[in-house]
């Protein structure tokens, strides 16, 4: 019995070993006409294996490119598209430098630092206070994402003040919400809003005094 581990590696595993063996057979055919006919048959077989990709741009050219790559650029046949350049195909892309940032609190991420920097440049007023409160809420939700234990609002307020160099502070008596409560309230409010719209369209009046009975 022959195992795949003892066989040559597949260039495109998604096409299977049968396609690769068909290509190797086509390369050995004596005439160019025979190799061209075999190549067209292989292309049709490759298309059958992945019918969901037929809507892709340059789909057939992609199949012919894959055929030549599987053949190690050594299949002499008539093709509707030029053979791809082996140097371009084998060329490795340049590595992308991973951005290195010195984030003070990684569970908040760099976005909190950017939000704090923007809020510090805002003029005093109701809009700035609303933005500061939203930043504090976002910090609490981020904290709970990585730490399932509860966190006090005072800790969030202290960290916000620390990160902003003492320039940002939340108004007294501010209560921060958790994302779990927010999601429930949002869904509940959305359902109530939809029910109210349905009752309004149907001409029904809602008795708020009987709510919950």
Foldseek 3Di string as FASTA:
>chain_A
DDDPVPDDDQPDPLLPPVLLVLLVVLLPDDDQVSSQVSLVVSLVSSCVSCVVCPPPPCVSVVSVQVSCVSNVVRRRYDDPDDHDDPCVVPDDDDDDDDDDDDDPDPLLPCVLLVLLVVLLPDDDDDVSQVSLLVSLLSVLQSVCVVPVDHDDSVVSQVVSCVSNVNRDGHDPPDDHDYVVVVVVVVVVVVVVVVVVVVCVVVVHDDDPVPPPD
